[in-house]
């Protein structure tokens, strides 16, 4: 009986921690091997809002209401925005965005040979 209470306590503590945890790293990230071999840290490109938006949907992760997309290196959850475009829904190989009543559905970009 005591074991059941201990197990229940651990389960409650784990579920409370899971609800408050945030994503600390990009699960879609591929390490830049050239930078690692050179001994330097991989630098993320700086995004400028003045440049025209050429979105590249790199990956989707379907997980019910916790679905994510990798939009050009930026992780977004449903409802979040990037450069004025709000993520509406995530599909298996696509994502739908909206800005000022304009909707755009982007397919996951295909990886060309040698592009990883």
C-alpha atoms as a PDB file:
ATOM      1  CA  UNK A   1       0.000   0.000   0.000  1.00  0.00           C
ATOM      2  CA  UNK A   2       2.861   2.349   0.851  1.00  0.00           C
ATOM      3  CA  UNK A   3       4.410   1.630  -2.545  1.00  0.00           C
ATOM      4  CA  UNK A   4       1.188   2.709  -4.237  1.00  0.00           C
ATOM      5  CA  UNK A   5       1.291   6.089  -2.434  1.00  0.00           C
ATOM      6  CA  UNK A   6       4.939   6.595  -3.336  1.00  0.00           C
ATOM      7  CA  UNK A   7       4.223   5.738  -6.964  1.00  0.00           C
ATOM      8  CA  UNK A   8       1.227   8.111  -7.011  1.00  0.00           C
ATOM      9  CA  UNK A   9       3.350  10.904  -5.518  1.00  0.00           C
ATOM     10  CA  UNK A  10       6.076  10.418  -8.103  1.00  0.00           C
ATOM     11  CA  UNK A  11       3.504  10.406 -10.913  1.00  0.00           C
ATOM     12  CA  UNK A  12       1.919  13.640  -9.667  1.00  0.00           C
ATOM     13  CA  UNK A  13       5.303  15.341  -9.303  1.00  0.00           C
ATOM     14  CA  UNK A  14       6.351  14.212 -12.777  1.00  0.00           C
ATOM     15  CA  UNK A  15       3.114  15.439 -14.398  1.00  0.00           C
ATOM     16  CA  UNK A  16       3.408  18.824 -12.650  1.00  0.00           C
ATOM     17  CA  UNK A  17       7.000  19.165 -13.869  1.00  0.00           C
ATOM     18  CA  UNK A  18       5.999  18.165 -17.405  1.00  0.00           C
ATOM     19  CA  UNK A  19       3.296  20.851 -17.517  1.00  0.00           C
ATOM     20  CA  UNK A  20       5.705  23.630 -16.535  1.00  0.00           C
ATOM     21  CA  UNK A  21       8.693  22.525 -18.586  1.00  0.00           C
ATOM     22  CA  UNK A  22       9.687  24.405 -21.702  1.00  0.00           C
ATOM     23  CA  UNK A  23      11.551  23.224 -24.736  1.00  0.00           C
ATOM     24  CA  UNK A  24      15.240  23.964 -24.203  1.00  0.00           C
ATOM     25  CA  UNK A  25      16.594  22.895 -27.570  1.00  0.00           C
ATOM     26  CA  UNK A  26      15.446  22.528 -31.147  1.00  0.00           C
ATOM     27  CA  UNK A  27      14.635  18.848 -31.735  1.00  0.00           C
ATOM     28  CA  UNK A  28      14.991  19.432 -35.479  1.00  0.00           C
ATOM     29  CA  UNK A  29      18.477  20.940 -35.252  1.00  0.00           C
ATOM     30  CA  UNK A  30      21.241  19.234 -37.172  1.00  0.00           C
ATOM     31  CA  UNK A  31      24.704  20.047 -35.836  1.00  0.00           C
ATOM     32  CA  UNK A  32      26.970  21.978 -38.174  1.00  0.00           C
ATOM     33  CA  UNK A  33      29.807  19.476 -38.430  1.00  0.00           C
ATOM     34  CA  UNK A  34      32.132  21.904 -40.209  1.00  0.00           C
ATOM     35  CA  UNK A  35      31.943  24.315 -37.269  1.00  0.00           C
ATOM     36  CA  UNK A  36      32.426  21.530 -34.744  1.00  0.00           C
ATOM     37  CA  UNK A  37      35.498  20.251 -36.577  1.00  0.00           C
ATOM     38  CA  UNK A  38      36.942  23.763 -36.708  1.00  0.00           C
ATOM     39  CA  UNK A  39      36.441  24.073 -32.950  1.00  0.00           C
ATOM     40  CA  UNK A  40      34.085  27.028 -33.146  1.00  0.00           C
ATOM     41  CA  UNK A  41      30.527  27.211 -31.946  1.00  0.00           C
ATOM     42  CA  UNK A  42      27.831  27.126 -34.599  1.00  0.00           C
ATOM     43  CA  UNK A  43      26.570  30.639 -35.171  1.00  0.00           C
ATOM     44  CA  UNK A  44      22.905  31.115 -35.865  1.00  0.00           C
ATOM     45  CA  UNK A  45      22.188  33.528 -38.675  1.00  0.00           C
ATOM     46  CA  UNK A  46      20.710  36.831 -37.583  1.00  0.00           C
ATOM     47  CA  UNK A  47      17.274  37.457 -38.988  1.00  0.00           C
ATOM     48  CA  UNK A  48      16.321  40.900 -40.139  1.00  0.00           C
ATOM     49  CA  UNK A  49      12.722  42.020 -40.340  1.00  0.00           C
ATOM     50  CA  UNK A  50      13.462  44.310 -43.296  1.00  0.00           C
ATOM     51  CA  UNK A  51      14.460  41.446 -45.592  1.00  0.00           C
ATOM     52  CA  UNK A  52      11.664  39.868 -47.663  1.00  0.00           C
ATOM     53  CA  UNK A  53      10.186  36.799 -46.026  1.00  0.00           C
ATOM     54  CA  UNK A  54      11.057  33.631 -47.898  1.00  0.00           C
ATOM     55  CA  UNK A  55       9.712  30.984 -45.531  1.00  0.00           C
ATOM     56  CA  UNK A  56      11.192  27.494 -45.558  1.00  0.00           C
ATOM     57  CA  UNK A  57       9.275  24.881 -43.616  1.00  0.00           C
ATOM     58  CA  UNK A  58      12.031  22.500 -42.558  1.00  0.00           C
ATOM     59  CA  UNK A  59      10.053  20.049 -40.403  1.00  0.00           C
ATOM     60  CA  UNK A  60       6.778  19.357 -38.646  1.00  0.00           C
ATOM     61  CA  UNK A  61       6.205  17.476 -35.410  1.00  0.00           C
ATOM     62  CA  UNK A  62       2.649  16.248 -34.867  1.00  0.00           C
ATOM     63  CA  UNK A  63       1.753  15.956 -31.186  1.00  0.00           C
ATOM     64  CA  UNK A  64      -1.905  16.930 -30.782  1.00  0.00           C
ATOM     65  CA  UNK A  65      -2.027  20.417 -29.231  1.00  0.00           C
ATOM     66  CA  UNK A  66       1.757  20.363 -28.696  1.00  0.00           C
ATOM     67  CA  UNK A  67       2.588  20.197 -32.415  1.00  0.00           C
ATOM     68  CA  UNK A  68       5.646  22.142 -33.578  1.00  0.00           C
ATOM     69  CA  UNK A  69       7.135  23.382 -36.824  1.00  0.00           C
ATOM     70  CA  UNK A  70      10.672  24.373 -37.717  1.00  0.00           C
ATOM     71  CA  UNK A  71      10.275  27.450 -39.895  1.00  0.00           C
ATOM     72  CA  UNK A  72      13.731  28.345 -41.164  1.00  0.00           C
ATOM     73  CA  UNK A  73      15.306  27.464 -37.811  1.00  0.00           C
ATOM     74  CA  UNK A  74      12.594  29.085 -35.675  1.00  0.00           C
ATOM     75  CA  UNK A  75      10.433  26.711 -33.595  1.00  0.00           C
ATOM     76  CA  UNK A  76       6.752  27.607 -33.469  1.00  0.00           C
ATOM     77  CA  UNK A  77       3.786  26.068 -31.662  1.00  0.00           C
ATOM     78  CA  UNK A  78       0.226  26.421 -32.919  1.00  0.00           C
ATOM     79  CA  UNK A  79      -0.928  29.983 -32.232  1.00  0.00           C
ATOM     80  CA  UNK A  80       2.564  31.509 -32.175  1.00  0.00           C
ATOM     81  CA  UNK A  81       3.700  34.083 -34.734  1.00  0.00           C
ATOM     82  CA  UNK A  82       6.853  34.826 -36.695  1.00  0.00           C
ATOM     83  CA  UNK A  83       7.257  37.984 -38.779  1.00  0.00           C
ATOM     84  CA  UNK A  84       3.527  38.631 -38.551  1.00  0.00           C
ATOM     85  CA  UNK A  85       2.470  35.149 -39.709  1.00  0.00           C
ATOM     86  CA  UNK A  86       0.527  33.112 -37.125  1.00  0.00           C
ATOM     87  CA  UNK A  87       0.710  29.305 -37.199  1.00  0.00           C
ATOM     88  CA  UNK A  88      -2.841  27.976 -37.506  1.00  0.00           C
ATOM     89  CA  UNK A  89      -2.406  24.241 -37.970  1.00  0.00           C
ATOM     90  CA  UNK A  90       0.232  21.594 -38.481  1.00  0.00           C
ATOM     91  CA  UNK A  91      -0.145  18.708 -40.903  1.00  0.00           C
ATOM     92  CA  UNK A  92       2.017  15.692 -41.573  1.00  0.00           C
ATOM     93  CA  UNK A  93       4.140  17.445 -44.218  1.00  0.00           C
ATOM     94  CA  UNK A  94       2.692  20.970 -44.198  1.00  0.00           C
ATOM     95  CA  UNK A  95       1.724  23.901 -42.013  1.00  0.00           C
ATOM     96  CA  UNK A  96      -0.863  26.657 -42.458  1.00  0.00           C
ATOM     97  CA  UNK A  97      -0.095  30.274 -41.540  1.00  0.00           C
ATOM     98  CA  UNK A  98      -2.292  33.397 -41.528  1.00  0.00           C
ATOM     99  CA  UNK A  99      -1.596  37.126 -41.669  1.00  0.00           C
ATOM    100  CA  UNK A 100      -4.323  39.753 -42.079  1.00  0.00           C
ATOM    101  CA  UNK A 101      -6.869  37.206 -43.382  1.00  0.00           C
ATOM    102  CA  UNK A 102      -4.378  35.818 -45.920  1.00  0.00           C
ATOM    103  CA  UNK A 103      -3.696  32.098 -45.496  1.00  0.00           C
ATOM    104  CA  UNK A 104      -0.650  30.261 -46.779  1.00  0.00           C
ATOM    105  CA  UNK A 105      -0.031  26.522 -46.568  1.00  0.00           C
ATOM    106  CA  UNK A 106       3.647  25.633 -46.822  1.00  0.00           C
ATOM    107  CA  UNK A 107       4.919  22.152 -47.645  1.00  0.00           C
ATOM    108  CA  UNK A 108       7.989  20.761 -45.903  1.00  0.00           C
ATOM    109  CA  UNK A 109      11.008  21.663 -48.019  1.00  0.00           C
ATOM    110  CA  UNK A 110      12.747  18.778 -49.724  1.00  0.00           C
ATOM    111  CA  UNK A 111      16.366  18.185 -48.795  1.00  0.00           C
ATOM    112  CA  UNK A 112      18.652  18.151 -51.806  1.00  0.00           C
ATOM    113  CA  UNK A 113      21.671  15.850 -51.930  1.00  0.00           C
ATOM    114  CA  UNK A 114      24.511  17.197 -49.783  1.00  0.00           C
ATOM    115  CA  UNK A 115      22.336  19.831 -48.065  1.00  0.00           C
ATOM    116  CA  UNK A 116      22.093  18.486 -44.525  1.00  0.00           C
END
